């Protein structure tokens, strides 16, 4: 690895959630996990959310730009969910902070941050410029019906999709968010076991010519102020 190459990494802790059938209240949220609701159905269901940051301020002080060459997620195992129709996980890396309730609502509305938003009428979700979403990944898990009885809620991965610009950034912080959304809004769920995971973003740091760097920094500030 050259002295310019970097691998940015963020560790996301595991979590074991428990609740009663058809209840919205979960217990067991630890390690920075919180419970958030959808703007579509306030008070109806709560969804696990974890947020973190990657500090780039040291590089920003040296007027350096980060050029991502790719991104991926890793997980220690699959999630487990007892009595469910399945779930979606959404992991996003952005150069501006995102609102968890807006992200949940956007995913439920067949879109994602940085993509065209569905017109929800009275609910207005602010759009995010494509450049601000460096990387995002959605995974769909469904019950493994080959296991009978499936007493611990083993899920199997069905699909994985990725979005994001992988645009270079002069921002001093990257914002990480991971969300789990039940396909039946977790109404029948009793347990949800969230495995440890991480986000990995390889790339390199470099100094741009002054004019290009100032224009990129100006653009980063403009996008941040739109939030």
C-alpha atoms as a PDB file:
ATOM      1  CA  UNK A   1       0.000   0.000   0.000  1.00  0.00           C
ATOM      2  CA  UNK A   2       1.424   3.398  -0.967  1.00  0.00           C
ATOM      3  CA  UNK A   3       1.556   6.313   1.461  1.00  0.00           C
ATOM      4  CA  UNK A   4      -1.427   7.838  -0.327  1.00  0.00           C
ATOM      5  CA  UNK A   5      -3.643   4.763  -0.167  1.00  0.00           C
ATOM      6  CA  UNK A   6      -6.171   4.530   2.631  1.00  0.00           C
ATOM      7  CA  UNK A   7      -8.836   2.062   3.727  1.00  0.00           C
ATOM      8  CA  UNK A   8     -11.581   3.846   5.642  1.00  0.00           C
ATOM      9  CA  UNK A   9     -13.509   1.572   7.994  1.00  0.00           C
ATOM     10  CA  UNK A  10     -16.416   1.840  10.396  1.00  0.00           C
ATOM     11  CA  UNK A  11     -17.387  -0.937  12.807  1.00  0.00           C
ATOM     12  CA  UNK A  12     -21.122  -1.421  13.493  1.00  0.00           C
ATOM     13  CA  UNK A  13     -21.914  -3.331  16.703  1.00  0.00           C
ATOM     14  CA  UNK A  14     -24.371  -6.237  17.012  1.00  0.00           C
ATOM     15  CA  UNK A  15     -27.703  -5.951  18.783  1.00  0.00           C
ATOM     16  CA  UNK A  16     -30.299  -8.394  20.119  1.00  0.00           C
ATOM     17  CA  UNK A  17     -33.849  -6.993  20.206  1.00  0.00           C
ATOM     18  CA  UNK A  18     -36.935  -8.528  21.830  1.00  0.00           C
ATOM     19  CA  UNK A  19     -40.590  -7.494  21.869  1.00  0.00           C
ATOM     20  CA  UNK A  20     -44.098  -8.893  22.247  1.00  0.00           C
ATOM     21  CA  UNK A  21     -46.169  -9.841  19.197  1.00  0.00           C
ATOM     22  CA  UNK A  22     -47.982  -6.874  17.566  1.00  0.00           C
ATOM     23  CA  UNK A  23     -46.259  -4.451  19.949  1.00  0.00           C
ATOM     24  CA  UNK A  24     -44.054  -1.583  18.784  1.00  0.00           C
ATOM     25  CA  UNK A  25     -41.761  -1.369  21.804  1.00  0.00           C
ATOM     26  CA  UNK A  26     -38.455  -3.232  21.559  1.00  0.00           C
ATOM     27  CA  UNK A  27     -36.031  -3.903  24.404  1.00  0.00           C
ATOM     28  CA  UNK A  28     -32.336  -4.670  24.148  1.00  0.00           C
ATOM     29  CA  UNK A  29     -31.186  -1.737  21.999  1.00  0.00           C
ATOM     30  CA  UNK A  30     -27.488  -1.336  22.920  1.00  0.00           C
ATOM     31  CA  UNK A  31     -24.233  -0.251  21.304  1.00  0.00           C
ATOM     32  CA  UNK A  32     -25.676   2.968  19.915  1.00  0.00           C
ATOM     33  CA  UNK A  33     -28.716   1.345  18.288  1.00  0.00           C
ATOM     34  CA  UNK A  34     -31.910   3.408  18.575  1.00  0.00           C
ATOM     35  CA  UNK A  35     -35.510   2.856  17.489  1.00  0.00           C
ATOM     36  CA  UNK A  36     -37.059   5.216  14.939  1.00  0.00           C
ATOM     37  CA  UNK A  37     -40.459   5.410  13.254  1.00  0.00           C
ATOM     38  CA  UNK A  38     -41.552   5.997   9.676  1.00  0.00           C
ATOM     39  CA  UNK A  39     -43.143   9.286   8.675  1.00  0.00           C
ATOM     40  CA  UNK A  40     -45.686   7.221   6.714  1.00  0.00           C
ATOM     41  CA  UNK A  41     -47.022   5.439   9.801  1.00  0.00           C
ATOM     42  CA  UNK A  42     -46.059   7.350  12.959  1.00  0.00           C
ATOM     43  CA  UNK A  43     -46.705   5.339  16.120  1.00  0.00           C
ATOM     44  CA  UNK A  44     -47.311   2.122  14.176  1.00  0.00           C
ATOM     45  CA  UNK A  45     -43.868   0.524  14.207  1.00  0.00           C
ATOM     46  CA  UNK A  46     -40.294   1.181  15.270  1.00  0.00           C
ATOM     47  CA  UNK A  47     -37.207   0.318  13.250  1.00  0.00           C
ATOM     48  CA  UNK A  48     -33.614  -0.223  14.468  1.00  0.00           C
ATOM     49  CA  UNK A  49     -31.126   2.466  13.396  1.00  0.00           C
ATOM     50  CA  UNK A  50     -27.400   2.880  14.034  1.00  0.00           C
ATOM     51  CA  UNK A  51     -25.399   5.988  13.148  1.00  0.00           C
ATOM     52  CA  UNK A  52     -21.689   6.739  13.250  1.00  0.00           C
ATOM     53  CA  UNK A  53     -19.030   8.894  11.609  1.00  0.00           C
ATOM     54  CA  UNK A  54     -15.600   8.610  10.011  1.00  0.00           C
ATOM     55  CA  UNK A  55     -13.394  11.572  10.928  1.00  0.00           C
ATOM     56  CA  UNK A  56     -11.467  13.067   8.004  1.00  0.00           C
ATOM     57  CA  UNK A  57     -10.704  16.390   9.692  1.00  0.00           C
ATOM     58  CA  UNK A  58      -6.974  15.654   9.898  1.00  0.00           C
ATOM     59  CA  UNK A  59      -6.818  15.228   6.140  1.00  0.00           C
ATOM     60  CA  UNK A  60      -9.030  18.275   5.583  1.00  0.00           C
ATOM     61  CA  UNK A  61      -6.609  20.381   7.658  1.00  0.00           C
ATOM     62  CA  UNK A  62      -3.879  19.351   5.209  1.00  0.00           C
ATOM     63  CA  UNK A  63      -6.143  20.341   2.293  1.00  0.00           C
ATOM     64  CA  UNK A  64      -6.369  16.773   1.072  1.00  0.00           C
ATOM     65  CA  UNK A  65      -9.163  15.182  -0.926  1.00  0.00           C
ATOM     66  CA  UNK A  66     -10.313  11.579  -0.477  1.00  0.00           C
ATOM     67  CA  UNK A  67     -10.825   9.612  -3.685  1.00  0.00           C
ATOM     68  CA  UNK A  68     -12.860   6.426  -3.030  1.00  0.00           C
ATOM     69  CA  UNK A  69     -12.073   3.548  -5.360  1.00  0.00           C
ATOM     70  CA  UNK A  70     -14.956   1.353  -4.179  1.00  0.00           C
ATOM     71  CA  UNK A  71     -16.945   0.377  -1.100  1.00  0.00           C
ATOM     72  CA  UNK A  72     -18.483  -2.695   0.469  1.00  0.00           C
ATOM     73  CA  UNK A  73     -19.969  -4.041   3.683  1.00  0.00           C
ATOM     74  CA  UNK A  74     -19.010  -7.101   5.704  1.00  0.00           C
ATOM     75  CA  UNK A  75     -21.093  -8.954   8.291  1.00  0.00           C
ATOM     76  CA  UNK A  76     -20.260 -11.631  10.855  1.00  0.00           C
ATOM     77  CA  UNK A  77     -23.402 -13.624   9.937  1.00  0.00           C
ATOM     78  CA  UNK A  78     -26.944 -13.146   8.655  1.00  0.00           C
ATOM     79  CA  UNK A  79     -29.641 -11.457  10.767  1.00  0.00           C
ATOM     80  CA  UNK A  80     -32.214 -13.642  12.551  1.00  0.00           C
ATOM     81  CA  UNK A  81     -35.871 -12.653  12.919  1.00  0.00           C
ATOM     82  CA  UNK A  82     -38.477 -14.860  14.569  1.00  0.00           C
ATOM     83  CA  UNK A  83     -42.056 -14.833  13.148  1.00  0.00           C
ATOM     84  CA  UNK A  84     -41.569 -12.550  10.179  1.00  0.00           C
ATOM     85  CA  UNK A  85     -42.016 -12.175   6.442  1.00  0.00           C
ATOM     86  CA  UNK A  86     -38.419 -10.992   6.103  1.00  0.00           C
ATOM     87  CA  UNK A  87     -36.574  -7.703   6.282  1.00  0.00           C
ATOM     88  CA  UNK A  88     -34.434  -5.193   4.442  1.00  0.00           C
ATOM     89  CA  UNK A  89     -31.183  -3.730   5.700  1.00  0.00           C
ATOM     90  CA  UNK A  90     -29.938  -0.422   4.341  1.00  0.00           C
ATOM     91  CA  UNK A  91     -26.405   0.881   4.900  1.00  0.00           C
ATOM     92  CA  UNK A  92     -25.401   4.320   3.651  1.00  0.00           C
ATOM     93  CA  UNK A  93     -22.267   6.480   3.690  1.00  0.00           C
ATOM     94  CA  UNK A  94     -22.898  10.172   3.051  1.00  0.00           C
ATOM     95  CA  UNK A  95     -21.011  13.450   3.189  1.00  0.00           C
ATOM     96  CA  UNK A  96     -23.960  15.158   4.922  1.00  0.00           C
ATOM     97  CA  UNK A  97     -25.963  13.940   7.940  1.00  0.00           C
ATOM     98  CA  UNK A  98     -29.196  12.083   7.107  1.00  0.00           C
ATOM     99  CA  UNK A  99     -32.423  11.973   9.107  1.00  0.00           C
ATOM    100  CA  UNK A 100     -33.298   8.411  10.153  1.00  0.00           C
ATOM    101  CA  UNK A 101     -37.072   8.837   9.854  1.00  0.00           C
ATOM    102  CA  UNK A 102     -36.689  10.311   6.376  1.00  0.00           C
ATOM    103  CA  UNK A 103     -34.397   7.460   5.312  1.00  0.00           C
ATOM    104  CA  UNK A 104     -36.887   4.832   6.555  1.00  0.00           C
ATOM    105  CA  UNK A 105     -39.756   6.575   4.775  1.00  0.00           C
ATOM    106  CA  UNK A 106     -37.748   6.885   1.564  1.00  0.00           C
ATOM    107  CA  UNK A 107     -36.851   3.173   1.550  1.00  0.00           C
ATOM    108  CA  UNK A 108     -40.493   2.229   2.161  1.00  0.00           C
ATOM    109  CA  UNK A 109     -41.450   4.451  -0.788  1.00  0.00           C
ATOM    110  CA  UNK A 110     -39.417   2.464  -3.345  1.00  0.00           C
ATOM    111  CA  UNK A 111     -36.553   4.944  -3.426  1.00  0.00           C
ATOM    112  CA  UNK A 112     -33.355   5.767  -1.524  1.00  0.00           C
ATOM    113  CA  UNK A 113     -31.396   8.886  -0.546  1.00  0.00           C
ATOM    114  CA  UNK A 114     -29.835  10.425  -3.618  1.00  0.00           C
ATOM    115  CA  UNK A 115     -32.463   8.982  -5.978  1.00  0.00           C
ATOM    116  CA  UNK A 116     -35.793  10.250  -7.342  1.00  0.00           C
ATOM    117  CA  UNK A 117     -38.332  10.456  -4.539  1.00  0.00           C
ATOM    118  CA  UNK A 118     -41.933   9.263  -4.710  1.00  0.00           C
ATOM    119  CA  UNK A 119     -44.510  12.045  -4.341  1.00  0.00           C
ATOM    120  CA  UNK A 120     -46.120  11.240  -0.979  1.00  0.00           C
ATOM    121  CA  UNK A 121     -48.552  14.143  -1.030  1.00  0.00           C
ATOM    122  CA  UNK A 122     -48.630  15.738   2.413  1.00  0.00           C
ATOM    123  CA  UNK A 123     -45.267  14.178   3.388  1.00  0.00           C
ATOM    124  CA  UNK A 124     -42.340  16.045   1.881  1.00  0.00           C
ATOM    125  CA  UNK A 125     -39.016  14.225   2.001  1.00  0.00           C
ATOM    126  CA  UNK A 126     -36.126  16.527   1.080  1.00  0.00           C
ATOM    127  CA  UNK A 127     -34.069  15.162  -1.755  1.00  0.00           C
ATOM    128  CA  UNK A 128     -30.336  14.639  -1.415  1.00  0.00           C
ATOM    129  CA  UNK A 129     -27.933  15.382  -4.210  1.00  0.00           C
ATOM    130  CA  UNK A 130     -26.461  12.226  -5.746  1.00  0.00           C
ATOM    131  CA  UNK A 131     -22.962  13.483  -4.935  1.00  0.00           C
ATOM    132  CA  UNK A 132     -23.630  13.456  -1.178  1.00  0.00           C
ATOM    133  CA  UNK A 133     -24.386   9.698  -1.143  1.00  0.00           C
ATOM    134  CA  UNK A 134     -20.943   8.176  -1.510  1.00  0.00           C
ATOM    135  CA  UNK A 135     -22.122   4.577  -1.104  1.00  0.00           C
ATOM    136  CA  UNK A 136     -25.267   2.683  -0.125  1.00  0.00           C
ATOM    137  CA  UNK A 137     -26.259  -0.967  -0.018  1.00  0.00           C
ATOM    138  CA  UNK A 138     -29.644  -2.635   0.391  1.00  0.00           C
ATOM    139  CA  UNK A 139     -29.986  -6.307   1.319  1.00  0.00           C
ATOM    140  CA  UNK A 140     -33.208  -8.314   1.305  1.00  0.00           C
ATOM    141  CA  UNK A 141     -33.590 -11.318   3.637  1.00  0.00           C
ATOM    142  CA  UNK A 142     -36.503 -13.765   3.726  1.00  0.00           C
ATOM    143  CA  UNK A 143     -37.327 -16.713   6.044  1.00  0.00           C
ATOM    144  CA  UNK A 144     -35.487 -19.917   5.198  1.00  0.00           C
ATOM    145  CA  UNK A 145     -38.392 -22.299   4.628  1.00  0.00           C
ATOM    146  CA  UNK A 146     -36.038 -25.223   4.030  1.00  0.00           C
ATOM    147  CA  UNK A 147     -35.566 -25.372   7.805  1.00  0.00           C
ATOM    148  CA  UNK A 148     -38.605 -26.958   9.496  1.00  0.00           C
ATOM    149  CA  UNK A 149     -39.252 -25.982  12.184  1.00  0.00           C
ATOM    150  CA  UNK A 150     -37.313 -22.714  11.923  1.00  0.00           C
ATOM    151  CA  UNK A 151     -37.479 -22.001  15.649  1.00  0.00           C
ATOM    152  CA  UNK A 152     -34.768 -19.339  15.784  1.00  0.00           C
ATOM    153  CA  UNK A 153     -35.813 -17.329  12.721  1.00  0.00           C
ATOM    154  CA  UNK A 154     -33.006 -18.171  10.300  1.00  0.00           C
ATOM    155  CA  UNK A 155     -33.145 -15.869   7.260  1.00  0.00           C
ATOM    156  CA  UNK A 156     -31.475 -16.265   3.900  1.00  0.00           C
ATOM    157  CA  UNK A 157     -30.257 -13.484   1.598  1.00  0.00           C
ATOM    158  CA  UNK A 158     -32.420 -12.991  -1.478  1.00  0.00           C
ATOM    159  CA  UNK A 159     -31.054  -9.860  -3.159  1.00  0.00           C
ATOM    160  CA  UNK A 160     -28.435  -7.157  -2.783  1.00  0.00           C
ATOM    161  CA  UNK A 161     -28.321  -3.807  -4.581  1.00  0.00           C
ATOM    162  CA  UNK A 162     -25.903  -0.885  -4.397  1.00  0.00           C
ATOM    163  CA  UNK A 163     -26.110   2.809  -5.168  1.00  0.00           C
ATOM    164  CA  UNK A 164     -23.896   5.835  -4.610  1.00  0.00           C
ATOM    165  CA  UNK A 165     -21.677   8.244  -6.477  1.00  0.00           C
ATOM    166  CA  UNK A 166     -18.207   7.267  -5.145  1.00  0.00           C
ATOM    167  CA  UNK A 167     -17.391  10.933  -5.722  1.00  0.00           C
ATOM    168  CA  UNK A 168     -14.174  12.390  -4.281  1.00  0.00           C
ATOM    169  CA  UNK A 169     -14.824  14.531  -1.214  1.00  0.00           C
ATOM    170  CA  UNK A 170     -13.099  17.327   0.673  1.00  0.00           C
ATOM    171  CA  UNK A 171     -15.564  17.007   3.571  1.00  0.00           C
ATOM    172  CA  UNK A 172     -14.149  16.602   7.081  1.00  0.00           C
ATOM    173  CA  UNK A 173     -16.679  13.918   8.106  1.00  0.00           C
ATOM    174  CA  UNK A 174     -18.390  10.907   6.538  1.00  0.00           C
ATOM    175  CA  UNK A 175     -21.730   9.904   8.058  1.00  0.00           C
ATOM    176  CA  UNK A 176     -22.695   6.227   8.389  1.00  0.00           C
ATOM    177  CA  UNK A 177     -26.225   4.904   8.930  1.00  0.00           C
ATOM    178  CA  UNK A 178     -27.602   1.355   9.044  1.00  0.00           C
ATOM    179  CA  UNK A 179     -31.346   0.667   9.165  1.00  0.00           C
ATOM    180  CA  UNK A 180     -33.427  -2.522   9.384  1.00  0.00           C
ATOM    181  CA  UNK A 181     -36.974  -2.441   7.995  1.00  0.00           C
ATOM    182  CA  UNK A 182     -39.356  -5.369   8.471  1.00  0.00           C
ATOM    183  CA  UNK A 183     -41.406  -6.340   5.422  1.00  0.00           C
ATOM    184  CA  UNK A 184     -44.451  -6.603   7.701  1.00  0.00           C
ATOM    185  CA  UNK A 185     -43.288  -3.648   9.818  1.00  0.00           C
ATOM    186  CA  UNK A 186     -42.151  -6.134  12.491  1.00  0.00           C
ATOM    187  CA  UNK A 187     -45.783  -6.548  13.606  1.00  0.00           C
ATOM    188  CA  UNK A 188     -45.471 -10.297  14.306  1.00  0.00           C
ATOM    189  CA  UNK A 189     -41.783 -10.302  15.168  1.00  0.00           C
ATOM    190  CA  UNK A 190     -40.625 -11.439  18.609  1.00  0.00           C
ATOM    191  CA  UNK A 191     -36.850 -11.255  18.253  1.00  0.00           C
ATOM    192  CA  UNK A 192     -34.410  -9.574  15.904  1.00  0.00           C
ATOM    193  CA  UNK A 193     -30.735 -10.503  16.084  1.00  0.00           C
ATOM    194  CA  UNK A 194     -28.558  -7.963  14.277  1.00  0.00           C
ATOM    195  CA  UNK A 195     -25.014  -9.204  13.570  1.00  0.00           C
ATOM    196  CA  UNK A 196     -21.857  -7.143  13.831  1.00  0.00           C
ATOM    197  CA  UNK A 197     -20.878  -5.566  10.521  1.00  0.00           C
ATOM    198  CA  UNK A 198     -18.500  -3.039   9.044  1.00  0.00           C
ATOM    199  CA  UNK A 199     -18.260  -0.591   6.169  1.00  0.00           C
ATOM    200  CA  UNK A 200     -15.030  -0.574   4.146  1.00  0.00           C
ATOM    201  CA  UNK A 201     -14.089   2.196   1.706  1.00  0.00           C
ATOM    202  CA  UNK A 202     -10.704   1.843  -0.022  1.00  0.00           C
ATOM    203  CA  UNK A 203      -9.243   4.842  -1.793  1.00  0.00           C
ATOM    204  CA  UNK A 204      -6.415   7.349  -1.606  1.00  0.00           C
ATOM    205  CA  UNK A 205      -5.710  10.818  -0.282  1.00  0.00           C
ATOM    206  CA  UNK A 206      -4.155  13.455  -2.487  1.00  0.00           C
ATOM    207  CA  UNK A 207      -3.769  17.193  -2.766  1.00  0.00           C
ATOM    208  CA  UNK A 208      -5.551  18.771  -5.694  1.00  0.00           C
ATOM    209  CA  UNK A 209      -4.445  21.969  -7.393  1.00  0.00           C
ATOM    210  CA  UNK A 210      -5.636  24.943  -5.340  1.00  0.00           C
ATOM    211  CA  UNK A 211      -8.437  25.996  -7.693  1.00  0.00           C
ATOM    212  CA  UNK A 212      -9.895  22.486  -8.048  1.00  0.00           C
ATOM    213  CA  UNK A 213      -9.680  21.938  -4.281  1.00  0.00           C
ATOM    214  CA  UNK A 214     -11.392  25.250  -3.447  1.00  0.00           C
ATOM    215  CA  UNK A 215     -14.172  24.516  -5.941  1.00  0.00           C
ATOM    216  CA  UNK A 216     -14.685  21.025  -4.449  1.00  0.00           C
ATOM    217  CA  UNK A 217     -14.678  22.430  -0.908  1.00  0.00           C
ATOM    218  CA  UNK A 218     -17.163  25.132  -1.955  1.00  0.00           C
ATOM    219  CA  UNK A 219     -19.412  22.462  -3.480  1.00  0.00           C
ATOM    220  CA  UNK A 220     -19.208  20.343  -0.301  1.00  0.00           C
ATOM    221  CA  UNK A 221     -20.250  23.306   1.842  1.00  0.00           C
ATOM    222  CA  UNK A 222     -23.122  24.159  -0.511  1.00  0.00           C
ATOM    223  CA  UNK A 223     -24.462  20.599  -0.341  1.00  0.00           C
ATOM    224  CA  UNK A 224     -24.108  20.483   3.441  1.00  0.00           C
ATOM    225  CA  UNK A 225     -26.071  23.732   3.795  1.00  0.00           C
ATOM    226  CA  UNK A 226     -28.951  22.277   1.767  1.00  0.00           C
ATOM    227  CA  UNK A 227     -29.669  19.745   4.527  1.00  0.00           C
END
